Structure formats: C-alpha cells, structure tokens
PDB file of N, CA and C in Angstrom:
ATOM      1  N   UNK A   1       3.714 -30.556  -3.250  1.00  0.00           N
ATOM      2  CA  UNK A   1       4.510 -29.473  -2.603  1.00  0.00           C
ATOM      3  C   UNK A   1       4.522 -29.679  -1.060  1.00  0.00           C
ATOM      4  N   UNK A   2       5.773 -29.461  -0.491  1.00  0.00           N
ATOM      5  CA  UNK A   2       5.908 -29.532   0.901  1.00  0.00           C
ATOM      6  C   UNK A   2       5.045 -28.544   1.590  1.00  0.00           C
ATOM      7  N   UNK A   3       4.633 -28.885   2.864  1.00  0.00           N
ATOM      8  CA  UNK A   3       3.856 -27.958   3.669  1.00  0.00           C
ATOM      9  C   UNK A   3       4.903 -27.191   4.573  1.00  0.00           C
ATOM     10  N   UNK A   4       4.381 -26.080   5.076  1.00  0.00           N
ATOM     11  CA  UNK A   4       5.147 -25.298   6.106  1.00  0.00           C
ATOM     12  C   UNK A   4       5.265 -26.089   7.304  1.00  0.00           C
ATOM     13  N   UNK A   5       6.471 -25.987   7.915  1.00  0.00           N
ATOM     14  CA  UNK A   5       6.580 -26.666   9.230  1.00  0.00           C
ATOM     15  C   UNK A   5       7.120 -25.775  10.251  1.00  0.00           C
ATOM     16  N   UNK A   6       6.489 -25.911  11.409  1.00  0.00           N
ATOM     17  CA  UNK A   6       6.837 -24.915  12.518  1.00  0.00           C
ATOM     18  C   UNK A   6       7.683 -25.807  13.508  1.00  0.00           C
ATOM     19  N   UNK A   7       8.893 -25.448  13.742  1.00  0.00           N
ATOM     20  CA  UNK A   7       9.826 -26.088  14.777  1.00  0.00           C
ATOM     21  C   UNK A   7       9.995 -25.185  15.910  1.00  0.00           C
ATOM     22  N   UNK A   8      10.693 -25.765  16.853  1.00  0.00           N
ATOM     23  CA  UNK A   8      10.999 -25.049  18.005  1.00  0.00           C
ATOM     24  C   UNK A   8      11.819 -23.673  17.712  1.00  0.00           C
ATOM     25  N   UNK A   9      12.763 -23.865  16.654  1.00  0.00           N
ATOM     26  CA  UNK A   9      13.650 -22.774  16.511  1.00  0.00           C
ATOM     27  C   UNK A   9      13.103 -21.779  15.283  1.00  0.00           C
ATOM     28  N   UNK A  10      11.943 -22.111  14.747  1.00  0.00           N
ATOM     29  CA  UNK A  10      11.462 -21.260  13.739  1.00  0.00           C
ATOM     30  C   UNK A  10      10.582 -21.914  12.697  1.00  0.00           C
ATOM     31  N   UNK A  11      10.275 -21.182  11.733  1.00  0.00           N
ATOM     32  CA  UNK A  11       9.356 -21.638  10.604  1.00  0.00           C
ATOM     33  C   UNK A  11      10.208 -22.163   9.509  1.00  0.00           C
ATOM     34  N   UNK A  12       9.817 -23.290   8.864  1.00  0.00           N
ATOM     35  CA  UNK A  12      10.568 -23.827   7.770  1.00  0.00           C
ATOM     36  C   UNK A  12       9.621 -23.641   6.425  1.00  0.00           C
ATOM     37  N   UNK A  13      10.120 -23.037   5.512  1.00  0.00           N
ATOM     38  CA  UNK A  13       9.426 -22.639   4.343  1.00  0.00           C
ATOM     39  C   UNK A  13       9.942 -23.415   3.149  1.00  0.00           C
ATOM     40  N   UNK A  14       9.137 -24.185   2.435  1.00  0.00           N
ATOM     41  CA  UNK A  14       9.745 -24.971   1.279  1.00  0.00           C
ATOM     42  C   UNK A  14      10.387 -24.136   0.241  1.00  0.00           C
ATOM     43  N   UNK A  15      11.497 -24.583  -0.205  1.00  0.00           N
ATOM     44  CA  UNK A  15      12.324 -23.835  -1.192  1.00  0.00           C
ATOM     45  C   UNK A  15      11.545 -23.522  -2.499  1.00  0.00           C
ATOM     46  N   UNK A  16      10.586 -24.428  -2.849  1.00  0.00           N
ATOM     47  CA  UNK A  16       9.736 -24.128  -4.014  1.00  0.00           C
ATOM     48  C   UNK A  16       8.901 -22.894  -3.971  1.00  0.00           C
ATOM     49  N   UNK A  17       8.688 -22.418  -2.803  1.00  0.00           N
ATOM     50  CA  UNK A  17       7.836 -21.166  -2.570  1.00  0.00           C
ATOM     51  C   UNK A  17       8.725 -19.922  -2.854  1.00  0.00           C
ATOM     52  N   UNK A  18      10.043 -19.910  -2.612  1.00  0.00           N
ATOM     53  CA  UNK A  18      10.924 -18.784  -2.875  1.00  0.00           C
ATOM     54  C   UNK A  18      11.669 -18.853  -4.085  1.00  0.00           C
ATOM     55  N   UNK A  19      11.619 -19.818  -4.849  1.00  0.00           N
ATOM     56  CA  UNK A  19      12.422 -20.002  -6.139  1.00  0.00           C
ATOM     57  C   UNK A  19      12.141 -18.910  -7.135  1.00  0.00           C
ATOM     58  N   UNK A  20      10.903 -18.479  -7.269  1.00  0.00           N
ATOM     59  CA  UNK A  20      10.482 -17.402  -8.172  1.00  0.00           C
ATOM     60  C   UNK A  20      11.011 -15.975  -7.914  1.00  0.00           C
ATOM     61  N   UNK A  21      11.630 -15.918  -6.730  1.00  0.00           N
ATOM     62  CA  UNK A  21      12.175 -14.626  -6.304  1.00  0.00           C
ATOM     63  C   UNK A  21      13.637 -14.370  -6.955  1.00  0.00           C
ATOM     64  N   UNK A  22      14.177 -15.403  -7.370  1.00  0.00           N
ATOM     65  CA  UNK A  22      15.561 -15.315  -7.898  1.00  0.00           C
ATOM     66  C   UNK A  22      16.523 -15.995  -6.974  1.00  0.00           C
ATOM     67  N   UNK A  23      17.825 -15.835  -7.378  1.00  0.00           N
ATOM     68  CA  UNK A  23      18.854 -16.523  -6.613  1.00  0.00           C
ATOM     69  C   UNK A  23      19.146 -16.080  -5.196  1.00  0.00           C
ATOM     70  N   UNK A  24      18.743 -14.774  -4.925  1.00  0.00           N
ATOM     71  CA  UNK A  24      19.060 -14.204  -3.602  1.00  0.00           C
ATOM     72  C   UNK A  24      17.682 -13.554  -3.167  1.00  0.00           C
ATOM     73  N   UNK A  25      17.406 -13.779  -1.998  1.00  0.00           N
ATOM     74  CA  UNK A  25      16.145 -13.269  -1.359  1.00  0.00           C
ATOM     75  C   UNK A  25      16.567 -12.619   0.083  1.00  0.00           C
ATOM     76  N   UNK A  26      15.903 -11.567   0.499  1.00  0.00           N
ATOM     77  CA  UNK A  26      16.014 -11.051   1.762  1.00  0.00           C
ATOM     78  C   UNK A  26      14.804 -11.502   2.648  1.00  0.00           C
ATOM     79  N   UNK A  27      15.056 -11.840   3.900  1.00  0.00           N
ATOM     80  CA  UNK A  27      13.964 -12.267   4.699  1.00  0.00           C
ATOM     81  C   UNK A  27      13.951 -11.371   5.868  1.00  0.00           C
ATOM     82  N   UNK A  28      12.783 -10.752   6.247  1.00  0.00           N
ATOM     83  CA  UNK A  28      12.729  -9.979   7.418  1.00  0.00           C
ATOM     84  C   UNK A  28      11.374 -10.233   8.120  1.00  0.00           C
ATOM     85  N   UNK A  29      11.430 -10.056   9.376  1.00  0.00           N
ATOM     86  CA  UNK A  29      10.295 -10.430  10.173  1.00  0.00           C
ATOM     87  C   UNK A  29       9.754  -9.131  10.870  1.00  0.00           C
ATOM     88  N   UNK A  30       8.594  -8.899  10.685  1.00  0.00           N
ATOM     89  CA  UNK A  30       7.791  -7.806  11.237  1.00  0.00           C
ATOM     90  C   UNK A  30       7.063  -8.201  12.433  1.00  0.00           C
ATOM     91  N   UNK A  31       6.276  -7.446  12.950  1.00  0.00           N
ATOM     92  CA  UNK A  31       5.517  -7.816  14.113  1.00  0.00           C
ATOM     93  C   UNK A  31       4.707  -9.156  13.938  1.00  0.00           C
ATOM     94  N   UNK A  32       3.873  -9.084  12.959  1.00  0.00           N
ATOM     95  CA  UNK A  32       2.915 -10.210  12.738  1.00  0.00           C
ATOM     96  C   UNK A  32       3.112 -10.693  11.210  1.00  0.00           C
ATOM     97  N   UNK A  33       4.208 -10.358  10.501  1.00  0.00           N
ATOM     98  CA  UNK A  33       4.277 -10.727   9.282  1.00  0.00           C
ATOM     99  C   UNK A  33       5.775 -11.223   8.874  1.00  0.00           C
ATOM    100  N   UNK A  34       5.953 -12.028   7.912  1.00  0.00           N
ATOM    101  CA  UNK A  34       7.229 -12.418   7.388  1.00  0.00           C
ATOM    102  C   UNK A  34       7.289 -11.946   5.929  1.00  0.00           C
ATOM    103  N   UNK A  35       8.435 -11.207   5.696  1.00  0.00           N
ATOM    104  CA  UNK A  35       8.575 -10.482   4.373  1.00  0.00           C
ATOM    105  C   UNK A  35       9.702 -11.322   3.723  1.00  0.00           C
ATOM    106  N   UNK A  36       9.380 -11.777   2.588  1.00  0.00           N
ATOM    107  CA  UNK A  36      10.421 -12.407   1.696  1.00  0.00           C
ATOM    108  C   UNK A  36      10.421 -11.818   0.438  1.00  0.00           C
ATOM    109  N   UNK A  37      11.535 -11.101   0.005  1.00  0.00           N
ATOM    110  CA  UNK A  37      11.494 -10.379  -1.298  1.00  0.00           C
ATOM    111  C   UNK A  37      12.822 -10.421  -1.871  1.00  0.00           C
ATOM    112  N   UNK A  38      12.767 -10.291  -3.271  1.00  0.00           N
ATOM    113  CA  UNK A  38      13.992 -10.225  -4.043  1.00  0.00           C
ATOM    114  C   UNK A  38      14.696  -8.826  -3.839  1.00  0.00           C
ATOM    115  N   UNK A  39      15.989  -8.660  -4.145  1.00  0.00           N
ATOM    116  CA  UNK A  39      16.549  -7.438  -4.061  1.00  0.00           C
ATOM    117  C   UNK A  39      15.825  -6.320  -4.946  1.00  0.00           C
ATOM    118  N   UNK A  40      15.550  -6.792  -6.168  1.00  0.00           N
ATOM    119  CA  UNK A  40      14.629  -5.905  -7.098  1.00  0.00           C
ATOM    120  C   UNK A  40      13.566  -5.393  -6.504  1.00  0.00           C
ATOM    121  N   UNK A  41      12.766  -6.215  -5.852  1.00  0.00           N
ATOM    122  CA  UNK A  41      11.480  -5.974  -5.136  1.00  0.00           C
ATOM    123  C   UNK A  41      11.816  -4.939  -3.986  1.00  0.00           C
ATOM    124  N   UNK A  42      12.873  -5.174  -3.246  1.00  0.00           N
ATOM    125  CA  UNK A  42      13.186  -4.388  -1.983  1.00  0.00           C
ATOM    126  C   UNK A  42      13.625  -2.977  -2.550  1.00  0.00           C
ATOM    127  N   UNK A  43      14.246  -2.768  -3.677  1.00  0.00           N
ATOM    128  CA  UNK A  43      14.717  -1.584  -4.201  1.00  0.00           C
ATOM    129  C   UNK A  43      13.459  -0.762  -4.681  1.00  0.00           C
ATOM    130  N   UNK A  44      12.565  -1.498  -5.316  1.00  0.00           N
ATOM    131  CA  UNK A  44      11.299  -0.762  -5.733  1.00  0.00           C
ATOM    132  C   UNK A  44      10.495  -0.212  -4.480  1.00  0.00           C
ATOM    133  N   UNK A  45      10.483  -1.044  -3.479  1.00  0.00           N
ATOM    134  CA  UNK A  45       9.660  -0.688  -2.282  1.00  0.00           C
ATOM    135  C   UNK A  45      10.441   0.548  -1.659  1.00  0.00           C
ATOM    136  N   UNK A  46      11.737   0.621  -1.647  1.00  0.00           N
ATOM    137  CA  UNK A  46      12.435   1.845  -1.170  1.00  0.00           C
ATOM    138  C   UNK A  46      12.138   3.085  -1.918  1.00  0.00           C
ATOM    139  N   UNK A  47      12.185   2.909  -3.224  1.00  0.00           N
ATOM    140  CA  UNK A  47      11.905   4.036  -4.207  1.00  0.00           C
ATOM    141  C   UNK A  47      10.552   4.533  -3.902  1.00  0.00           C
ATOM    142  N   UNK A  48       9.556   3.624  -3.769  1.00  0.00           N
ATOM    143  CA  UNK A  48       8.234   4.109  -3.569  1.00  0.00           C
ATOM    144  C   UNK A  48       8.077   4.860  -2.201  1.00  0.00           C
ATOM    145  N   UNK A  49       8.727   4.288  -1.124  1.00  0.00           N
ATOM    146  CA  UNK A  49       8.632   4.963   0.093  1.00  0.00           C
ATOM    147  C   UNK A  49       9.321   6.437  -0.124  1.00  0.00           C
ATOM    148  N   UNK A  50      10.464   6.555  -0.686  1.00  0.00           N
ATOM    149  CA  UNK A  50      11.004   7.829  -0.904  1.00  0.00           C
ATOM    150  C   UNK A  50      10.134   8.802  -1.612  1.00  0.00           C
ATOM    151  N   UNK A  51       9.526   8.229  -2.641  1.00  0.00           N
ATOM    152  CA  UNK A  51       8.467   9.205  -3.383  1.00  0.00           C
ATOM    153  C   UNK A  51       7.293   9.533  -2.515  1.00  0.00           C
ATOM    154  N   UNK A  52       6.915   8.626  -1.723  1.00  0.00           N
ATOM    155  CA  UNK A  52       5.814   9.087  -0.730  1.00  0.00           C
ATOM    156  C   UNK A  52       6.275  10.157   0.265  1.00  0.00           C
ATOM    157  N   UNK A  53       7.476   9.986   0.816  1.00  0.00           N
ATOM    158  CA  UNK A  53       8.029  10.991   1.691  1.00  0.00           C
ATOM    159  C   UNK A  53       8.058  12.301   1.023  1.00  0.00           C
ATOM    160  N   UNK A  54       8.668  12.391  -0.179  1.00  0.00           N
ATOM    161  CA  UNK A  54       8.775  13.648  -0.934  1.00  0.00           C
ATOM    162  C   UNK A  54       7.392  14.255  -1.148  1.00  0.00           C
ATOM    163  N   UNK A  55       6.357  13.399  -1.466  1.00  0.00           N
ATOM    164  CA  UNK A  55       5.091  13.926  -1.741  1.00  0.00           C
ATOM    165  C   UNK A  55       4.450  14.602  -0.570  1.00  0.00           C
ATOM    166  N   UNK A  56       4.642  13.851   0.588  1.00  0.00           N
ATOM    167  CA  UNK A  56       4.153  14.341   1.841  1.00  0.00           C
ATOM    168  C   UNK A  56       4.815  15.597   2.249  1.00  0.00           C
ATOM    169  N   UNK A  57       6.065  15.705   2.038  1.00  0.00           N
ATOM    170  CA  UNK A  57       6.861  16.913   2.393  1.00  0.00           C
ATOM    171  C   UNK A  57       6.427  18.072   1.550  1.00  0.00           C
ATOM    172  N   UNK A  58       6.213  17.888   0.189  1.00  0.00           N
ATOM    173  CA  UNK A  58       5.737  18.974  -0.649  1.00  0.00           C
ATOM    174  C   UNK A  58       4.370  19.337  -0.259  1.00  0.00           C
ATOM    175  N   UNK A  59       3.537  18.501   0.028  1.00  0.00           N
ATOM    176  CA  UNK A  59       2.091  18.794   0.436  1.00  0.00           C
ATOM    177  C   UNK A  59       2.088  19.687   1.582  1.00  0.00           C
ATOM    178  N   UNK A  60       3.001  19.321   2.665  1.00  0.00           N
ATOM    179  CA  UNK A  60       3.140  20.116   3.847  1.00  0.00           C
ATOM    180  C   UNK A  60       3.540  21.615   3.515  1.00  0.00           C
ATOM    181  N   UNK A  61       4.615  21.631   2.797  1.00  0.00           N
ATOM    182  CA  UNK A  61       5.144  23.021   2.351  1.00  0.00           C
ATOM    183  C   UNK A  61       4.198  23.804   1.673  1.00  0.00           C
ATOM    184  N   UNK A  62       3.365  23.219   0.769  1.00  0.00           N
ATOM    185  CA  UNK A  62       2.328  23.847  -0.029  1.00  0.00           C
ATOM    186  C   UNK A  62       1.135  24.312   0.823  1.00  0.00           C
ATOM    187  N   UNK A  63       0.968  23.703   1.956  1.00  0.00           N
ATOM    188  CA  UNK A  63      -0.135  23.987   2.699  1.00  0.00           C
ATOM    189  C   UNK A  63      -1.299  23.025   2.405  1.00  0.00           C
ATOM    190  N   UNK A  64      -1.258  21.802   2.625  1.00  0.00           N
ATOM    191  CA  UNK A  64      -2.298  20.907   2.295  1.00  0.00           C
ATOM    192  C   UNK A  64      -3.604  21.153   2.906  1.00  0.00           C
ATOM    193  N   UNK A  65      -4.766  20.785   2.284  1.00  0.00           N
ATOM    194  CA  UNK A  65      -5.931  21.165   2.872  1.00  0.00           C
ATOM    195  C   UNK A  65      -6.340  20.382   4.254  1.00  0.00           C
ATOM    196  N   UNK A  66      -6.993  21.149   5.073  1.00  0.00           N
ATOM    197  CA  UNK A  66      -7.404  20.426   6.341  1.00  0.00           C
ATOM    198  C   UNK A  66      -8.510  19.305   6.168  1.00  0.00           C
ATOM    199  N   UNK A  67      -8.676  18.537   7.173  1.00  0.00           N
ATOM    200  CA  UNK A  67      -9.694  17.576   6.996  1.00  0.00           C
ATOM    201  C   UNK A  67     -11.130  18.168   6.747  1.00  0.00           C
ATOM    202  N   UNK A  68     -11.320  19.269   7.413  1.00  0.00           N
ATOM    203  CA  UNK A  68     -12.731  19.907   7.332  1.00  0.00           C
ATOM    204  C   UNK A  68     -12.762  20.444   5.832  1.00  0.00           C
ATOM    205  N   UNK A  69     -11.752  20.951   5.166  1.00  0.00           N
ATOM    206  CA  UNK A  69     -11.957  21.339   3.845  1.00  0.00           C
ATOM    207  C   UNK A  69     -12.049  20.225   2.894  1.00  0.00           C
ATOM    208  N   UNK A  70     -11.425  19.203   3.110  1.00  0.00           N
ATOM    209  CA  UNK A  70     -11.650  17.992   2.380  1.00  0.00           C
ATOM    210  C   UNK A  70     -13.185  17.485   2.496  1.00  0.00           C
ATOM    211  N   UNK A  71     -13.584  17.411   3.711  1.00  0.00           N
ATOM    212  CA  UNK A  71     -15.026  17.017   3.958  1.00  0.00           C
ATOM    213  C   UNK A  71     -16.025  17.923   3.300  1.00  0.00           C
ATOM    214  N   UNK A  72     -15.702  19.254   3.255  1.00  0.00           N
ATOM    215  CA  UNK A  72     -16.566  20.257   2.637  1.00  0.00           C
ATOM    216  C   UNK A  72     -16.629  19.965   1.105  1.00  0.00           C
ATOM    217  N   UNK A  73     -15.486  19.682   0.553  1.00  0.00           N
ATOM    218  CA  UNK A  73     -15.463  19.477  -0.857  1.00  0.00           C
ATOM    219  C   UNK A  73     -16.196  18.164  -1.302  1.00  0.00           C
ATOM    220  N   UNK A  74     -15.972  17.100  -0.539  1.00  0.00           N
ATOM    221  CA  UNK A  74     -16.705  15.872  -0.772  1.00  0.00           C
ATOM    222  C   UNK A  74     -18.273  15.975  -0.640  1.00  0.00           C
ATOM    223  N   UNK A  75     -18.629  16.826   0.312  1.00  0.00           N
ATOM    224  CA  UNK A  75     -20.024  17.099   0.446  1.00  0.00           C
ATOM    225  C   UNK A  75     -20.563  17.915  -0.713  1.00  0.00           C
ATOM    226  N   UNK A  76     -19.908  18.908  -1.101  1.00  0.00           N
ATOM    227  CA  UNK A  76     -20.291  19.568  -2.346  1.00  0.00           C
ATOM    228  C   UNK A  76     -20.407  18.688  -3.616  1.00  0.00           C
ATOM    229  N   UNK A  77     -19.463  17.903  -3.719  1.00  0.00           N
ATOM    230  CA  UNK A  77     -19.374  17.075  -4.952  1.00  0.00           C
ATOM    231  C   UNK A  77     -20.575  15.988  -4.834  1.00  0.00           C
ATOM    232  N   UNK A  78     -20.801  15.522  -3.669  1.00  0.00           N
ATOM    233  CA  UNK A  78     -22.048  14.624  -3.576  1.00  0.00           C
ATOM    234  C   UNK A  78     -23.317  15.340  -3.803  1.00  0.00           C
ATOM    235  N   UNK A  79     -23.454  16.580  -3.303  1.00  0.00           N
ATOM    236  CA  UNK A  79     -24.647  17.369  -3.529  1.00  0.00           C
ATOM    237  C   UNK A  79     -24.814  17.677  -5.005  1.00  0.00           C
ATOM    238  N   UNK A  80     -23.683  17.907  -5.750  1.00  0.00           N
ATOM    239  CA  UNK A  80     -23.857  18.206  -7.160  1.00  0.00           C
ATOM    240  C   UNK A  80     -24.364  16.912  -7.932  1.00  0.00           C
ATOM    241  N   UNK A  81     -23.737  15.826  -7.609  1.00  0.00           N
ATOM    242  CA  UNK A  81     -24.111  14.534  -8.237  1.00  0.00           C
ATOM    243  C   UNK A  81     -25.490  14.159  -7.968  1.00  0.00           C
ATOM    244  N   UNK A  82     -25.897  14.450  -6.665  1.00  0.00           N
ATOM    245  CA  UNK A  82     -27.470  14.125  -6.364  1.00  0.00           C
ATOM    246  C   UNK A  82     -28.329  15.002  -7.138  1.00  0.00           C
ATOM    247  N   UNK A  83     -28.011  16.279  -7.255  1.00  0.00           N
ATOM    248  CA  UNK A  83     -28.801  17.117  -8.050  1.00  0.00           C
ATOM    249  C   UNK A  83     -28.925  16.814  -9.534  1.00  0.00           C
ATOM    250  N   UNK A  84     -27.725  16.339 -10.016  1.00  0.00           N
ATOM    251  CA  UNK A  84     -27.701  15.954 -11.485  1.00  0.00           C
ATOM    252  C   UNK A  84     -28.491  14.662 -11.667  1.00  0.00           C
ATOM    253  N   UNK A  85     -28.538  13.750 -10.736  1.00  0.00           N
ATOM    254  CA  UNK A  85     -29.246  12.581 -10.866  1.00  0.00           C
ATOM    255  C   UNK A  85     -30.746  12.860 -10.821  1.00  0.00           C
ATOM    256  N   UNK A  86     -31.052  13.782  -9.902  1.00  0.00           N
ATOM    257  CA  UNK A  86     -32.466  14.138  -9.770  1.00  0.00           C
ATOM    258  C   UNK A  86     -32.969  14.829 -11.172  1.00  0.00           C
ATOM    259  N   UNK A  87     -32.129  15.707 -11.621  1.00  0.00           N
ATOM    260  CA  UNK A  87     -32.377  16.375 -12.885  1.00  0.00           C
ATOM    261  C   UNK A  87     -32.611  15.451 -14.076  1.00  0.00           C
ATOM    262  N   UNK A  88     -31.734  14.440 -14.130  1.00  0.00           N
ATOM    263  CA  UNK A  88     -31.765  13.456 -15.170  1.00  0.00           C
ATOM    264  C   UNK A  88     -32.968  12.644 -15.081  1.00  0.00           C
ATOM    265  N   UNK A  89     -33.570  12.355 -14.044  1.00  0.00           N
ATOM    266  CA  UNK A  89     -34.776  11.566 -13.773  1.00  0.00           C
ATOM    267  C   UNK A  89     -36.016  12.271 -14.302  1.00  0.00           C
ATOM    268  N   UNK A  90     -35.969  13.602 -14.108  1.00  0.00           N
ATOM    269  CA  UNK A  90     -37.165  14.315 -14.393  1.00  0.00           C
ATOM    270  C   UNK A  90     -37.306  14.519 -15.925  1.00  0.00           C
ATOM    271  N   UNK A  91     -36.252  14.344 -16.659  1.00  0.00           N
ATOM    272  CA  UNK A  91     -36.281  14.610 -18.108  1.00  0.00           C
ATOM    273  C   UNK A  91     -37.000  13.464 -18.826  1.00  0.00           C
TER     274      UNK A  91
END
C-alpha cells in the first residue's frame, strides 16, 4: 500500500484508503483534522447533531438540573453503594 505523501500543495492520500467509502466521498478540513466521509455517513452525522440539539433544547425547557444538584445525587449514590458494600462484608 502506498504511503501518505506531503507535497507543497497538500496531502496526497492513497485511493485504496478511501475506496471503502463508496463512489463519492466528501472531504473537509478542520483545524487539526481531515474528515473523509461517505454521503451516508455525513447524513447520519447530521441526524445525530439534530437529535442532540433537540435533546438539549428540551432539557433547557424542562429545567435541567444544576451542576450542584448532579454532584449531590452522585455523592448520595456513592454513599449508598459504600454503605451497601460495608454491610455486605459484615454478613
């Protein structure tokens, strides 16, 4: 398999590496990353992003718990587990 080659005008990627994506691929460059994806994968990523946006919006509307409330719940759960472990050892 050919290796990646860096030229003055950019990065050359061997075609073997992208054949599995299908006949068409989209290529995008982020700050420190190169994204190569099939149209199907891009559509799935957009659907996931939309679901996450909806979930966050709904959580905001319902009044999601504050960081302190979450920390209090985590501490209470840890305390319950610790007491259960101690109780199980004494049996």
